[in-house]
Amino acid sequence: MLTIINADLHNEQHAHDVLAMLNSYAQDPMGGGEALSDYCQKNLINELKTRNTVRVVLAYAGDQAAGLAICIEGFSTFACKPLLNIHDFAVHPDFRSQHIGVRMMEHITRLAVELGYCKITLEVLERNLPARQLYLKQGFATYELDPAMGGAIMMQKKLN
C-alpha cells in the first residue's frame, strides 16, 4: 500500500527516512553520484526545521520509505505571489516504475493549491529522461517569457 505524507521533521522516523532517501538520491548518477557529507547528514534535519518555508513529502510503500520531495517556497515578483520549488525529488531505485512519482506530484500539486502558490517550479538534468517525461505528463513545461528569446537556462555559482 502506498501512502504519501507531509513529513514531520520532529518525528524521528520521518527525519531518518528523509536523510536515508536524500542520501540514496545523492549517490544516484542523477543526484551527483556521491553520498551526503558527514556535515550534511549531521545538520540537515535541524537546518530544515528552522525554515518555515520548507515542505517535505515522503512516500511510503508499506512501512518503507520509497520517495522524497523537498520543496522550498519562493516568490514570483511578476505574479506577486508565493511559488513552490521542488528542490529535491527522488524515488528509491527499488520502487521505480510503480507510479510513485506520479502520486507524489499529485500530492505536491494539491498542497501547492491549498497553500495558494501561483506555480510549482523544478529543475531537471537534460538526460534524466524518465524524470522529464514524468514532469511533462504532470503539466510542467520549459520556462520562457518570449519564444523569440528562448528558454531559461539553470545556472549556478558555487561559493564553497
C-alpha atoms as a PDB file:
ATOM      1  CA  MET A   1       0.000   0.000   0.000  1.00  0.00           C
ATOM      2  CA  LEU A   2       1.353   3.424  -0.982  1.00  0.00           C
ATOM      3  CA  THR A   3       0.994   6.367   1.387  1.00  0.00           C
ATOM      4  CA  ILE A   4       2.087   9.938   0.626  1.00  0.00           C
ATOM      5  CA  ILE A   5       2.506  12.243   3.630  1.00  0.00           C
ATOM      6  CA  ASN A   6       3.730  15.690   4.585  1.00  0.00           C
ATOM      7  CA  ALA A   7       6.736  14.767   6.696  1.00  0.00           C
ATOM      8  CA  ASP A   8       7.097  16.000  10.253  1.00  0.00           C
ATOM      9  CA  LEU A   9      10.804  16.591  10.780  1.00  0.00           C
ATOM     10  CA  HIS A  10      10.275  16.423  14.563  1.00  0.00           C
ATOM     11  CA  ASN A  11       9.225  12.787  14.070  1.00  0.00           C
ATOM     12  CA  GLU A  12      12.407  10.699  14.392  1.00  0.00           C
ATOM     13  CA  GLN A  13      11.285   8.133  11.809  1.00  0.00           C
ATOM     14  CA  HIS A  14      10.426  10.815   9.254  1.00  0.00           C
ATOM     15  CA  ALA A  15      13.738  12.580   9.875  1.00  0.00           C
ATOM     16  CA  HIS A  16      15.633   9.304   9.476  1.00  0.00           C
ATOM     17  CA  ASP A  17      13.751   8.481   6.262  1.00  0.00           C
ATOM     18  CA  VAL A  18      14.382  11.937   4.796  1.00  0.00           C
ATOM     19  CA  LEU A  19      18.126  11.558   5.339  1.00  0.00           C
ATOM     20  CA  ALA A  20      18.191   7.989   4.037  1.00  0.00           C
ATOM     21  CA  MET A  21      16.199   8.888   0.910  1.00  0.00           C
ATOM     22  CA  LEU A  22      18.247  12.025   0.232  1.00  0.00           C
ATOM     23  CA  ASN A  23      21.494  10.125   0.684  1.00  0.00           C
ATOM     24  CA  SER A  24      20.283   7.435  -1.715  1.00  0.00           C
ATOM     25  CA  TYR A  25      19.358  10.131  -4.238  1.00  0.00           C
ATOM     26  CA  ALA A  26      22.717  11.883  -3.805  1.00  0.00           C
ATOM     27  CA  GLN A  27      24.514   8.622  -4.607  1.00  0.00           C
ATOM     28  CA  ASP A  28      22.477   8.093  -7.786  1.00  0.00           C
ATOM     29  CA  PRO A  29      24.071   9.412 -11.001  1.00  0.00           C
ATOM     30  CA  MET A  30      21.149  11.848 -11.311  1.00  0.00           C
ATOM     31  CA  GLY A  31      21.941  13.187  -7.837  1.00  0.00           C
ATOM     32  CA  GLY A  32      25.665  13.642  -8.372  1.00  0.00           C
ATOM     33  CA  GLY A  33      26.933  10.154  -7.549  1.00  0.00           C
ATOM     34  CA  GLU A  34      28.327  10.917  -4.081  1.00  0.00           C
ATOM     35  CA  ALA A  35      26.992  10.346  -0.588  1.00  0.00           C
ATOM     36  CA  LEU A  36      25.981  13.323   1.501  1.00  0.00           C
ATOM     37  CA  SER A  37      28.833  14.765   3.542  1.00  0.00           C
ATOM     38  CA  ASP A  38      29.078  13.936   7.237  1.00  0.00           C
ATOM     39  CA  TYR A  39      28.315  17.602   7.939  1.00  0.00           C
ATOM     40  CA  CYS A  40      25.141  17.450   5.864  1.00  0.00           C
ATOM     41  CA  GLN A  41      23.973  14.210   7.423  1.00  0.00           C
ATOM     42  CA  LYS A  42      24.560  15.599  10.907  1.00  0.00           C
ATOM     43  CA  ASN A  43      22.968  19.031  10.383  1.00  0.00           C
ATOM     44  CA  LEU A  44      20.413  18.872   7.573  1.00  0.00           C
ATOM     45  CA  ILE A  45      17.325  17.984   9.584  1.00  0.00           C
ATOM     46  CA  ASN A  46      17.966  20.705  12.180  1.00  0.00           C
ATOM     47  CA  GLU A  47      18.591  23.254   9.429  1.00  0.00           C
ATOM     48  CA  LEU A  48      15.383  22.284   7.621  1.00  0.00           C
ATOM     49  CA  LYS A  49      13.436  22.562  10.895  1.00  0.00           C
ATOM     50  CA  THR A  50      14.474  26.225  11.225  1.00  0.00           C
ATOM     51  CA  ARG A  51      12.956  27.126   7.840  1.00  0.00           C
ATOM     52  CA  ASN A  52       9.201  27.525   7.905  1.00  0.00           C
ATOM     53  CA  THR A  53       9.055  27.710   4.112  1.00  0.00           C
ATOM     54  CA  VAL A  54      10.275  24.130   3.587  1.00  0.00           C
ATOM     55  CA  ARG A  55       7.748  21.397   2.776  1.00  0.00           C
ATOM     56  CA  VAL A  56       8.904  17.781   2.818  1.00  0.00           C
ATOM     57  CA  VAL A  57       6.874  14.979   1.275  1.00  0.00           C
ATOM     58  CA  LEU A  58       7.569  11.290   1.870  1.00  0.00           C
ATOM     59  CA  ALA A  59       6.136   8.300   0.040  1.00  0.00           C
ATOM     60  CA  TYR A  60       5.888   5.002   1.885  1.00  0.00           C
ATOM     61  CA  ALA A  61       5.351   1.591   0.351  1.00  0.00           C
ATOM     62  CA  GLY A  62       4.050  -0.178   3.410  1.00  0.00           C
ATOM     63  CA  ASP A  63       6.411   0.994   6.144  1.00  0.00           C
ATOM     64  CA  GLN A  64       9.404   1.508   3.822  1.00  0.00           C
ATOM     65  CA  ALA A  65      10.379   4.959   2.540  1.00  0.00           C
ATOM     66  CA  ALA A  66      10.052   4.889  -1.246  1.00  0.00           C
ATOM     67  CA  GLY A  67      10.059   8.530  -2.336  1.00  0.00           C
ATOM     68  CA  LEU A  68      11.076  12.005  -1.223  1.00  0.00           C
ATOM     69  CA  ALA A  69      10.395  15.576  -2.261  1.00  0.00           C
ATOM     70  CA  ILE A  70      11.919  18.593  -0.542  1.00  0.00           C
ATOM     71  CA  CYS A  71      10.136  21.753  -1.619  1.00  0.00           C
ATOM     72  CA  ILE A  72      11.024  25.328  -0.745  1.00  0.00           C
ATOM     73  CA  GLU A  73       8.806  28.362  -1.004  1.00  0.00           C
ATOM     74  CA  GLY A  74       9.945  31.134  -3.280  1.00  0.00           C
ATOM     75  CA  PHE A  75       8.236  34.243  -4.560  1.00  0.00           C
ATOM     76  CA  SER A  76       7.140  35.262  -8.036  1.00  0.00           C
ATOM     77  CA  THR A  77       7.610  39.006  -8.418  1.00  0.00           C
ATOM     78  CA  PHE A  78       5.676  39.024 -11.718  1.00  0.00           C
ATOM     79  CA  ALA A  79       2.651  37.334 -10.085  1.00  0.00           C
ATOM     80  CA  CYS A  80       3.257  38.920  -6.661  1.00  0.00           C
ATOM     81  CA  LYS A  81       2.511  35.548  -5.089  1.00  0.00           C
ATOM     82  CA  PRO A  82       4.466  32.724  -3.483  1.00  0.00           C
ATOM     83  CA  LEU A  83       5.630  29.756  -5.549  1.00  0.00           C
ATOM     84  CA  LEU A  84       6.774  26.282  -4.592  1.00  0.00           C
ATOM     85  CA  ASN A  85      10.105  24.998  -5.882  1.00  0.00           C
ATOM     86  CA  ILE A  86      10.688  21.261  -5.843  1.00  0.00           C
ATOM     87  CA  HIS A  87      14.344  21.290  -4.865  1.00  0.00           C
ATOM     88  CA  ASP A  88      14.833  17.526  -4.473  1.00  0.00           C
ATOM     89  CA  PHE A  89      12.595  14.830  -5.948  1.00  0.00           C
ATOM     90  CA  ALA A  90      13.502  11.155  -5.877  1.00  0.00           C
ATOM     91  CA  VAL A  91      12.021   7.694  -5.935  1.00  0.00           C
ATOM     92  CA  HIS A  92      14.191   4.958  -4.443  1.00  0.00           C
ATOM     93  CA  PRO A  93      15.545   2.621  -7.169  1.00  0.00           C
ATOM     94  CA  ASP A  94      13.736  -0.361  -5.611  1.00  0.00           C
ATOM     95  CA  PHE A  95      10.393   1.379  -6.174  1.00  0.00           C
ATOM     96  CA  ARG A  96      10.763   2.964  -9.595  1.00  0.00           C
ATOM     97  CA  SER A  97       8.222   2.281 -12.366  1.00  0.00           C
ATOM     98  CA  GLN A  98       5.409   1.932  -9.821  1.00  0.00           C
ATOM     99  CA  HIS A  99       3.842   5.392 -10.397  1.00  0.00           C
ATOM    100  CA  ILE A 100       5.102   6.670  -7.051  1.00  0.00           C
ATOM    101  CA  GLY A 101       6.458   9.808  -8.726  1.00  0.00           C
ATOM    102  CA  VAL A 102       3.028  10.496 -10.225  1.00  0.00           C
ATOM    103  CA  ARG A 103       1.325  10.144  -6.851  1.00  0.00           C
ATOM    104  CA  MET A 104       3.922  12.377  -5.193  1.00  0.00           C
ATOM    105  CA  MET A 105       3.452  15.049  -7.883  1.00  0.00           C
ATOM    106  CA  GLU A 106      -0.317  14.906  -7.424  1.00  0.00           C
ATOM    107  CA  HIS A 107       0.146  15.352  -3.668  1.00  0.00           C
ATOM    108  CA  ILE A 108       2.538  18.293  -4.153  1.00  0.00           C
ATOM    109  CA  THR A 109       0.122  19.924  -6.603  1.00  0.00           C
ATOM    110  CA  ARG A 110      -2.770  19.645  -4.133  1.00  0.00           C
ATOM    111  CA  LEU A 111      -0.545  21.057  -1.374  1.00  0.00           C
ATOM    112  CA  ALA A 112       0.511  23.974  -3.581  1.00  0.00           C
ATOM    113  CA  VAL A 113      -3.096  24.793  -4.463  1.00  0.00           C
ATOM    114  CA  GLU A 114      -4.169  24.582  -0.802  1.00  0.00           C
ATOM    115  CA  LEU A 115      -1.361  26.938   0.242  1.00  0.00           C
ATOM    116  CA  GLY A 116      -2.114  29.471  -2.503  1.00  0.00           C
ATOM    117  CA  TYR A 117       1.068  29.129  -4.560  1.00  0.00           C
ATOM    118  CA  CYS A 118       0.907  30.571  -8.076  1.00  0.00           C
ATOM    119  CA  LYS A 119       3.104  27.872  -9.616  1.00  0.00           C
ATOM    120  CA  ILE A 120       5.430  24.963  -8.974  1.00  0.00           C
ATOM    121  CA  THR A 121       8.982  25.061 -10.304  1.00  0.00           C
ATOM    122  CA  LEU A 122      11.741  22.492 -10.531  1.00  0.00           C
ATOM    123  CA  GLU A 123      14.976  21.745 -12.330  1.00  0.00           C
ATOM    124  CA  VAL A 124      15.889  18.526 -14.090  1.00  0.00           C
ATOM    125  CA  LEU A 125      19.015  17.263 -15.798  1.00  0.00           C
ATOM    126  CA  GLU A 126      18.752  17.188 -19.596  1.00  0.00           C
ATOM    127  CA  ARG A 127      19.487  13.489 -19.819  1.00  0.00           C
ATOM    128  CA  ASN A 128      17.215  12.405 -16.973  1.00  0.00           C
ATOM    129  CA  LEU A 129      14.598  11.297 -19.468  1.00  0.00           C
ATOM    130  CA  PRO A 130      12.339   9.343 -17.078  1.00  0.00           C
ATOM    131  CA  ALA A 131      12.037  12.376 -14.781  1.00  0.00           C
ATOM    132  CA  ARG A 132      11.497  14.752 -17.694  1.00  0.00           C
ATOM    133  CA  GLN A 133       8.706  12.531 -19.038  1.00  0.00           C
ATOM    134  CA  LEU A 134       7.055  12.449 -15.612  1.00  0.00           C
ATOM    135  CA  TYR A 135       7.205  16.221 -15.304  1.00  0.00           C
ATOM    136  CA  LEU A 136       5.845  16.787 -18.806  1.00  0.00           C
ATOM    137  CA  LYS A 137       2.954  14.405 -18.138  1.00  0.00           C
ATOM    138  CA  GLN A 138       2.229  16.335 -14.930  1.00  0.00           C
ATOM    139  CA  GLY A 139       1.903  19.605 -16.860  1.00  0.00           C
ATOM    140  CA  PHE A 140       5.374  21.079 -16.440  1.00  0.00           C
ATOM    141  CA  ALA A 141       6.961  22.879 -19.381  1.00  0.00           C
ATOM    142  CA  THR A 142      10.236  24.618 -20.048  1.00  0.00           C
ATOM    143  CA  TYR A 143      10.252  28.217 -18.891  1.00  0.00           C
ATOM    144  CA  GLU A 144      10.231  31.050 -21.370  1.00  0.00           C
ATOM    145  CA  LEU A 145       8.753  34.521 -21.363  1.00  0.00           C
ATOM    146  CA  ASP A 146       9.044  35.159 -25.105  1.00  0.00           C
ATOM    147  CA  PRO A 147       9.701  32.292 -27.556  1.00  0.00           C
ATOM    148  CA  ALA A 148      11.960  34.608 -29.552  1.00  0.00           C
ATOM    149  CA  MET A 149      14.256  34.867 -26.505  1.00  0.00           C
ATOM    150  CA  GLY A 150      14.385  31.101 -25.899  1.00  0.00           C
ATOM    151  CA  GLY A 151      14.018  29.050 -22.765  1.00  0.00           C
ATOM    152  CA  ALA A 152      15.535  29.752 -19.393  1.00  0.00           C
ATOM    153  CA  ILE A 153      18.828  28.069 -18.521  1.00  0.00           C
ATOM    154  CA  MET A 154      19.564  26.926 -14.977  1.00  0.00           C
ATOM    155  CA  MET A 155      22.933  28.226 -13.770  1.00  0.00           C
ATOM    156  CA  GLN A 156      24.826  28.140 -10.504  1.00  0.00           C
ATOM    157  CA  LYS A 157      27.833  29.738  -8.867  1.00  0.00           C
ATOM    158  CA  LYS A 158      29.291  27.630  -6.066  1.00  0.00           C
ATOM    159  CA  LEU A 159      30.655  29.614  -3.162  1.00  0.00           C
ATOM    160  CA  ASN A 160      32.285  26.824  -1.121  1.00  0.00           C
END
